[in-house]
Amino acid sequence: MQSFSIIAAVSESSNGIGLNNKLPWGRIMGDMVHFKKTTENGVIIMGRKTFESLPFRPLKDRVNIVLSKTMPQRKTPSDPYFVIPSFEEAMAFVSSTFGGEKQVFVIGGSDVYYKTIYLNACKKLFLTIIKEEGFDALFDAYFPEVPEEYEVVQESEIISENNYKYKFVNYHRIRDSGEESNFCFICGDEISMNSQMCSRCVRK
C-alpha cells in the first residue's frame, strides 16, 4: 500500500474531534490555513459524514475521495470527486491513477482515523491540538490515542486566535507495528479495526 498521512484537529484533554458532525470549536482560521497548505495538490480521503459536513464540496485543488458503501460509486476522470467503498480500494485506485505522484491525506471522520492510524503505511500525523477553552468541550466523535510507533518531530508554540489556543504537532512513524491492531479509546482493550469502543464500553 502507498504511504499516507493523517491530518486532524483534536481537543487536548479528551481527543474529541466532533459533535453532531460539526467542529465544537467552529472555524479557527489558522487551522484552516494550515489544513489547506498541507493538503493542497494532494489526495484527501474521508468518510461520507465528513464529506457532507464540508462547507464547500468538493474541496478545491485536491483530489477528493469519499469512502461510502451507500453513495453511488464514482471512478471516472470527469467526476468532480470519487466515491469508493473501502479504504483499501481507495488506496489501490490512487496508486493506479496517480502512480504515487500525489501525497495522500486521511481527513476524517473518527471511524476512518481508527481504521488507518494503526496501518504501517501511515507514516505521518499532522495534528492541531486545541486547548479546551472558549468552547463547550462536548464530543461524540474521538481521535485515537497516538500509538507508540510515532514520535513528535515538530511542535509549534501555543497560538492564540480570538478565544482559542492551539498548537501544531507533527508526528512521524519511527517503526512498524508488529501486528496492525486497534484499541478501545475508553479502556484500551484490543478491538476490531473498524470500531472505536469495545462491546463492554458501548453498553455502559
C-alpha atoms as a PDB file:
ATOM      1  CA  MET A   1       0.000   0.000   0.000  1.00  0.00           C
ATOM      2  CA  GLN A   2       1.196   3.515  -0.820  1.00  0.00           C
ATOM      3  CA  SER A   3       2.185   5.585   2.210  1.00  0.00           C
ATOM      4  CA  PHE A   4      -0.230   8.212   3.502  1.00  0.00           C
ATOM      5  CA  SER A   5      -0.652  10.769   6.293  1.00  0.00           C
ATOM      6  CA  ILE A   6      -3.407  11.718   8.710  1.00  0.00           C
ATOM      7  CA  ILE A   7      -4.442  15.291   9.434  1.00  0.00           C
ATOM      8  CA  ALA A   8      -6.864  16.241  12.216  1.00  0.00           C
ATOM      9  CA  ALA A   9      -7.827  18.886  14.775  1.00  0.00           C
ATOM     10  CA  VAL A  10      -8.068  17.316  18.235  1.00  0.00           C
ATOM     11  CA  SER A  11      -9.023  18.562  21.693  1.00  0.00           C
ATOM     12  CA  GLU A  12      -6.075  18.431  24.049  1.00  0.00           C
ATOM     13  CA  SER A  13      -7.508  16.634  27.064  1.00  0.00           C
ATOM     14  CA  SER A  14     -10.089  14.255  25.614  1.00  0.00           C
ATOM     15  CA  ASN A  15      -9.077  13.654  21.971  1.00  0.00           C
ATOM     16  CA  GLY A  16     -12.535  14.846  20.936  1.00  0.00           C
ATOM     17  CA  ILE A  17     -12.913  15.892  17.314  1.00  0.00           C
ATOM     18  CA  GLY A  18     -16.625  16.444  16.711  1.00  0.00           C
ATOM     19  CA  LEU A  19     -20.170  16.839  17.964  1.00  0.00           C
ATOM     20  CA  ASN A  20     -23.222  16.214  15.754  1.00  0.00           C
ATOM     21  CA  ASN A  21     -20.930  16.044  12.704  1.00  0.00           C
ATOM     22  CA  LYS A  22     -19.575  19.538  13.394  1.00  0.00           C
ATOM     23  CA  LEU A  23     -16.439  21.042  14.914  1.00  0.00           C
ATOM     24  CA  PRO A  24     -17.295  22.072  18.506  1.00  0.00           C
ATOM     25  CA  TRP A  25     -14.876  24.997  18.225  1.00  0.00           C
ATOM     26  CA  GLY A  26     -16.267  26.210  14.920  1.00  0.00           C
ATOM     27  CA  ARG A  27     -13.781  27.610  12.418  1.00  0.00           C
ATOM     28  CA  ILE A  28     -10.276  28.525  13.511  1.00  0.00           C
ATOM     29  CA  MET A  29      -8.700  30.434  10.652  1.00  0.00           C
ATOM     30  CA  GLY A  30      -5.121  29.452  11.484  1.00  0.00           C
ATOM     31  CA  ASP A  31      -6.056  25.779  11.455  1.00  0.00           C
ATOM     32  CA  MET A  32      -7.958  26.145   8.180  1.00  0.00           C
ATOM     33  CA  VAL A  33      -4.949  27.798   6.523  1.00  0.00           C
ATOM     34  CA  HIS A  34      -2.685  25.045   7.881  1.00  0.00           C
ATOM     35  CA  PHE A  35      -5.033  22.348   6.558  1.00  0.00           C
ATOM     36  CA  LYS A  36      -5.191  23.904   3.092  1.00  0.00           C
ATOM     37  CA  LYS A  37      -1.444  24.463   2.867  1.00  0.00           C
ATOM     38  CA  THR A  38      -0.674  20.911   3.996  1.00  0.00           C
ATOM     39  CA  THR A  39      -3.137  19.072   1.754  1.00  0.00           C
ATOM     40  CA  GLU A  40      -3.117  21.300  -1.354  1.00  0.00           C
ATOM     41  CA  ASN A  41      -2.494  19.419  -4.621  1.00  0.00           C
ATOM     42  CA  GLY A  42      -2.760  16.113  -2.777  1.00  0.00           C
ATOM     43  CA  VAL A  43      -5.387  13.419  -2.370  1.00  0.00           C
ATOM     44  CA  ILE A  44      -7.792  13.680   0.566  1.00  0.00           C
ATOM     45  CA  ILE A  45      -9.707  10.606   1.719  1.00  0.00           C
ATOM     46  CA  MET A  46     -12.725  10.942   4.001  1.00  0.00           C
ATOM     47  CA  GLY A  47     -15.881   9.225   5.184  1.00  0.00           C
ATOM     48  CA  ARG A  48     -19.325  10.193   3.933  1.00  0.00           C
ATOM     49  CA  LYS A  49     -20.267  12.228   7.011  1.00  0.00           C
ATOM     50  CA  THR A  50     -17.063  14.241   6.813  1.00  0.00           C
ATOM     51  CA  PHE A  51     -17.741  14.949   3.152  1.00  0.00           C
ATOM     52  CA  GLU A  52     -21.282  16.052   3.920  1.00  0.00           C
ATOM     53  CA  SER A  53     -20.011  18.359   6.679  1.00  0.00           C
ATOM     54  CA  LEU A  54     -17.705  20.302   4.339  1.00  0.00           C
ATOM     55  CA  PRO A  55     -18.898  23.869   3.701  1.00  0.00           C
ATOM     56  CA  PHE A  56     -17.874  23.530   0.041  1.00  0.00           C
ATOM     57  CA  ARG A  57     -17.875  20.189  -1.766  1.00  0.00           C
ATOM     58  CA  PRO A  58     -15.548  19.028  -3.138  1.00  0.00           C
ATOM     59  CA  LEU A  59     -12.550  20.908  -1.720  1.00  0.00           C
ATOM     60  CA  LYS A  60     -10.661  22.746  -4.458  1.00  0.00           C
ATOM     61  CA  ASP A  61      -7.138  21.933  -5.624  1.00  0.00           C
ATOM     62  CA  ARG A  62      -7.263  18.431  -4.172  1.00  0.00           C
ATOM     63  CA  VAL A  63      -8.427  15.024  -5.333  1.00  0.00           C
ATOM     64  CA  ASN A  64     -11.453  14.246  -3.143  1.00  0.00           C
ATOM     65  CA  ILE A  65     -12.221  10.602  -2.359  1.00  0.00           C
ATOM     66  CA  VAL A  66     -15.263   9.681  -0.280  1.00  0.00           C
ATOM     67  CA  LEU A  67     -15.477   6.277   1.391  1.00  0.00           C
ATOM     68  CA  SER A  68     -19.065   5.064   1.214  1.00  0.00           C
ATOM     69  CA  LYS A  69     -20.944   1.853   0.578  1.00  0.00           C
ATOM     70  CA  THR A  70     -24.281   3.676   0.198  1.00  0.00           C
ATOM     71  CA  MET A  71     -23.447   6.519  -2.201  1.00  0.00           C
ATOM     72  CA  PRO A  72     -23.250   5.724  -5.931  1.00  0.00           C
ATOM     73  CA  GLN A  73     -19.688   4.892  -6.906  1.00  0.00           C
ATOM     74  CA  ARG A  74     -17.740   7.473  -8.910  1.00  0.00           C
ATOM     75  CA  LYS A  75     -14.477   6.459 -10.530  1.00  0.00           C
ATOM     76  CA  THR A  76     -14.340   8.240 -13.878  1.00  0.00           C
ATOM     77  CA  PRO A  77     -11.879  11.103 -14.533  1.00  0.00           C
ATOM     78  CA  SER A  78     -14.717  13.515 -15.343  1.00  0.00           C
ATOM     79  CA  ASP A  79     -16.253  13.160 -11.872  1.00  0.00           C
ATOM     80  CA  PRO A  80     -15.717  16.169  -9.556  1.00  0.00           C
ATOM     81  CA  TYR A  81     -14.964  13.726  -6.743  1.00  0.00           C
ATOM     82  CA  PHE A  82     -14.661   9.972  -6.357  1.00  0.00           C
ATOM     83  CA  VAL A  83     -16.767   7.601  -4.249  1.00  0.00           C
ATOM     84  CA  ILE A  84     -15.159   4.272  -3.362  1.00  0.00           C
ATOM     85  CA  PRO A  85     -16.486   1.623  -0.934  1.00  0.00           C
ATOM     86  CA  SER A  86     -13.372   0.944   1.163  1.00  0.00           C
ATOM     87  CA  PHE A  87     -10.068   2.488   2.182  1.00  0.00           C
ATOM     88  CA  GLU A  88      -8.086  -0.369   0.654  1.00  0.00           C
ATOM     89  CA  GLU A  89      -9.850   0.087  -2.688  1.00  0.00           C
ATOM     90  CA  ALA A  90      -9.311   3.849  -2.482  1.00  0.00           C
ATOM     91  CA  MET A  91      -5.562   3.436  -1.967  1.00  0.00           C
ATOM     92  CA  ALA A  92      -5.351   0.966  -4.851  1.00  0.00           C
ATOM     93  CA  PHE A  93      -7.249   3.478  -7.017  1.00  0.00           C
ATOM     94  CA  VAL A  94      -4.848   6.278  -6.035  1.00  0.00           C
ATOM     95  CA  SER A  95      -1.808   4.147  -6.861  1.00  0.00           C
ATOM     96  CA  SER A  96      -3.158   3.038 -10.242  1.00  0.00           C
ATOM     97  CA  THR A  97      -4.416   6.517 -11.189  1.00  0.00           C
ATOM     98  CA  PHE A  98      -1.616   8.756  -9.932  1.00  0.00           C
ATOM     99  CA  GLY A  99       1.283   6.344  -9.637  1.00  0.00           C
ATOM    100  CA  GLY A 100       2.451   7.584  -6.263  1.00  0.00           C
ATOM    101  CA  GLU A 101       2.942  11.147  -7.518  1.00  0.00           C
ATOM    102  CA  LYS A 102       0.466  12.724  -5.088  1.00  0.00           C
ATOM    103  CA  GLN A 103       0.579  12.824  -1.309  1.00  0.00           C
ATOM    104  CA  VAL A 104      -2.403  11.172   0.362  1.00  0.00           C
ATOM    105  CA  PHE A 105      -4.117  12.517   3.488  1.00  0.00           C
ATOM    106  CA  VAL A 106      -6.855  10.944   5.590  1.00  0.00           C
ATOM    107  CA  ILE A 107      -9.034  13.808   6.893  1.00  0.00           C
ATOM    108  CA  GLY A 108     -11.745  12.006   8.912  1.00  0.00           C
ATOM    109  CA  GLY A 109     -14.007  11.109  10.394  1.00  0.00           C
ATOM    110  CA  SER A 110     -13.454   9.183  13.562  1.00  0.00           C
ATOM    111  CA  ASP A 111     -14.084   5.696  12.139  1.00  0.00           C
ATOM    112  CA  VAL A 112     -11.651   6.332   9.283  1.00  0.00           C
ATOM    113  CA  TYR A 113      -8.985   7.598  11.697  1.00  0.00           C
ATOM    114  CA  TYR A 114      -9.363   4.494  13.851  1.00  0.00           C
ATOM    115  CA  LYS A 115      -9.105   2.235  10.825  1.00  0.00           C
ATOM    116  CA  THR A 116      -5.999   3.892   9.355  1.00  0.00           C
ATOM    117  CA  ILE A 117      -3.747   5.200  12.149  1.00  0.00           C
ATOM    118  CA  TYR A 118      -2.529   1.682  13.042  1.00  0.00           C
ATOM    119  CA  LEU A 119      -1.656   0.743   9.458  1.00  0.00           C
ATOM    120  CA  ASN A 120       2.078   0.655   8.793  1.00  0.00           C
ATOM    121  CA  ALA A 121       1.532   2.632   5.590  1.00  0.00           C
ATOM    122  CA  CYS A 122       0.503   5.628   7.723  1.00  0.00           C
ATOM    123  CA  LYS A 123       3.795   7.489   8.072  1.00  0.00           C
ATOM    124  CA  LYS A 124       2.895  10.971   9.347  1.00  0.00           C
ATOM    125  CA  LEU A 125       0.330  12.654  11.601  1.00  0.00           C
ATOM    126  CA  PHE A 126      -0.413  16.375  11.319  1.00  0.00           C
ATOM    127  CA  LEU A 127      -2.398  17.296  14.421  1.00  0.00           C
ATOM    128  CA  THR A 128      -3.792  20.617  15.568  1.00  0.00           C
ATOM    129  CA  ILE A 129      -4.079  20.321  19.345  1.00  0.00           C
ATOM    130  CA  ILE A 130      -6.788  22.636  20.667  1.00  0.00           C
ATOM    131  CA  LYS A 131      -7.000  23.603  24.318  1.00  0.00           C
ATOM    132  CA  GLU A 132     -10.494  23.237  25.727  1.00  0.00           C
ATOM    133  CA  GLU A 133     -11.011  26.918  26.387  1.00  0.00           C
ATOM    134  CA  GLY A 134     -13.518  29.127  24.616  1.00  0.00           C
ATOM    135  CA  PHE A 135     -15.941  26.352  23.677  1.00  0.00           C
ATOM    136  CA  ASP A 136     -18.103  23.704  25.330  1.00  0.00           C
ATOM    137  CA  ALA A 137     -15.982  20.543  25.447  1.00  0.00           C
ATOM    138  CA  LEU A 138     -18.718  18.103  24.437  1.00  0.00           C
ATOM    139  CA  PHE A 139     -17.968  15.407  21.861  1.00  0.00           C
ATOM    140  CA  ASP A 140     -19.487  12.339  20.271  1.00  0.00           C
ATOM    141  CA  ALA A 141     -16.524  11.576  17.996  1.00  0.00           C
ATOM    142  CA  TYR A 142     -12.924  10.991  19.040  1.00  0.00           C
ATOM    143  CA  PHE A 143      -9.430  10.663  17.644  1.00  0.00           C
ATOM    144  CA  PRO A 144      -7.437   7.585  18.694  1.00  0.00           C
ATOM    145  CA  GLU A 145      -4.573   7.797  21.164  1.00  0.00           C
ATOM    146  CA  VAL A 146      -1.368   8.229  19.168  1.00  0.00           C
ATOM    147  CA  PRO A 147       0.334   4.817  19.093  1.00  0.00           C
ATOM    148  CA  GLU A 148       3.868   4.469  20.459  1.00  0.00           C
ATOM    149  CA  GLU A 149       5.153   3.761  16.956  1.00  0.00           C
ATOM    150  CA  TYR A 150       5.037   7.510  16.284  1.00  0.00           C
ATOM    151  CA  GLU A 151       7.197  10.279  17.742  1.00  0.00           C
ATOM    152  CA  VAL A 152       6.894  14.067  17.722  1.00  0.00           C
ATOM    153  CA  VAL A 153       9.214  15.668  15.167  1.00  0.00           C
ATOM    154  CA  GLN A 154       7.871  19.232  15.212  1.00  0.00           C
ATOM    155  CA  GLU A 155       5.763  21.251  17.643  1.00  0.00           C
ATOM    156  CA  SER A 156       4.772  24.888  17.355  1.00  0.00           C
ATOM    157  CA  GLU A 157       4.407  27.437  20.095  1.00  0.00           C
ATOM    158  CA  ILE A 158       0.918  27.988  21.521  1.00  0.00           C
ATOM    159  CA  ILE A 159      -1.096  30.162  19.139  1.00  0.00           C
ATOM    160  CA  SER A 160      -3.904  32.434  20.329  1.00  0.00           C
ATOM    161  CA  GLU A 161      -6.762  33.282  17.979  1.00  0.00           C
ATOM    162  CA  ASN A 162      -9.868  35.014  19.240  1.00  0.00           C
ATOM    163  CA  ASN A 163     -10.933  32.865  22.223  1.00  0.00           C
ATOM    164  CA  TYR A 164      -8.932  29.795  21.184  1.00  0.00           C
ATOM    165  CA  LYS A 165      -5.471  28.488  21.970  1.00  0.00           C
ATOM    166  CA  TYR A 166      -3.887  25.753  19.897  1.00  0.00           C
ATOM    167  CA  LYS A 167      -0.630  24.358  18.540  1.00  0.00           C
ATOM    168  CA  PHE A 168       0.511  22.271  15.595  1.00  0.00           C
ATOM    169  CA  VAL A 169       2.180  18.939  16.384  1.00  0.00           C
ATOM    170  CA  ASN A 170       3.656  16.700  13.691  1.00  0.00           C
ATOM    171  CA  TYR A 171       4.496  13.031  14.228  1.00  0.00           C
ATOM    172  CA  HIS A 172       6.500  10.588  12.128  1.00  0.00           C
ATOM    173  CA  ARG A 173       6.242   6.810  12.336  1.00  0.00           C
ATOM    174  CA  ILE A 174       9.543   5.519  13.714  1.00  0.00           C
ATOM    175  CA  ARG A 175       8.843   1.803  13.402  1.00  0.00           C
ATOM    176  CA  ASP A 176       6.263  -0.581  12.034  1.00  0.00           C
ATOM    177  CA  SER A 177       3.748  -2.279  14.250  1.00  0.00           C
ATOM    178  CA  GLY A 178       4.338  -5.980  14.785  1.00  0.00           C
ATOM    179  CA  GLU A 179       0.635  -6.562  14.167  1.00  0.00           C
ATOM    180  CA  GLU A 180      -1.749  -3.936  12.916  1.00  0.00           C
ATOM    181  CA  SER A 181      -4.434  -3.579  15.572  1.00  0.00           C
ATOM    182  CA  ASN A 182      -6.920  -1.173  17.127  1.00  0.00           C
ATOM    183  CA  PHE A 183      -7.730  -0.347  20.733  1.00  0.00           C
ATOM    184  CA  CYS A 184     -10.799   0.895  22.604  1.00  0.00           C
ATOM    185  CA  PHE A 185     -10.329   4.609  23.312  1.00  0.00           C
ATOM    186  CA  ILE A 186     -12.003   4.214  26.741  1.00  0.00           C
ATOM    187  CA  CYS A 187     -10.470   1.093  28.336  1.00  0.00           C
ATOM    188  CA  GLY A 188      -7.599   0.318  25.964  1.00  0.00           C
ATOM    189  CA  ASP A 189      -8.625  -3.272  25.189  1.00  0.00           C
ATOM    190  CA  GLU A 190      -7.800  -4.547  21.712  1.00  0.00           C
ATOM    191  CA  ILE A 191     -10.775  -4.434  19.349  1.00  0.00           C
ATOM    192  CA  SER A 192     -11.565  -4.802  15.652  1.00  0.00           C
ATOM    193  CA  MET A 193     -10.029  -2.349  13.199  1.00  0.00           C
ATOM    194  CA  ASN A 194     -13.435  -0.886  12.338  1.00  0.00           C
ATOM    195  CA  SER A 195     -14.524   0.033  15.870  1.00  0.00           C
ATOM    196  CA  GLN A 196     -13.890   2.843  18.339  1.00  0.00           C
ATOM    197  CA  MET A 197     -15.066   1.123  21.524  1.00  0.00           C
ATOM    198  CA  CYS A 198     -15.162  -2.430  22.795  1.00  0.00           C
ATOM    199  CA  SER A 199     -18.560  -4.054  23.298  1.00  0.00           C
ATOM    200  CA  ARG A 200     -18.292  -3.678  27.080  1.00  0.00           C
ATOM    201  CA  CYS A 201     -17.758   0.110  26.944  1.00  0.00           C
ATOM    202  CA  VAL A 202     -20.521   0.512  24.339  1.00  0.00           C
ATOM    203  CA  ARG A 203     -23.022  -0.951  26.812  1.00  0.00           C
ATOM    204  CA  LYS A 204     -22.038   1.385  29.651  1.00  0.00           C
END
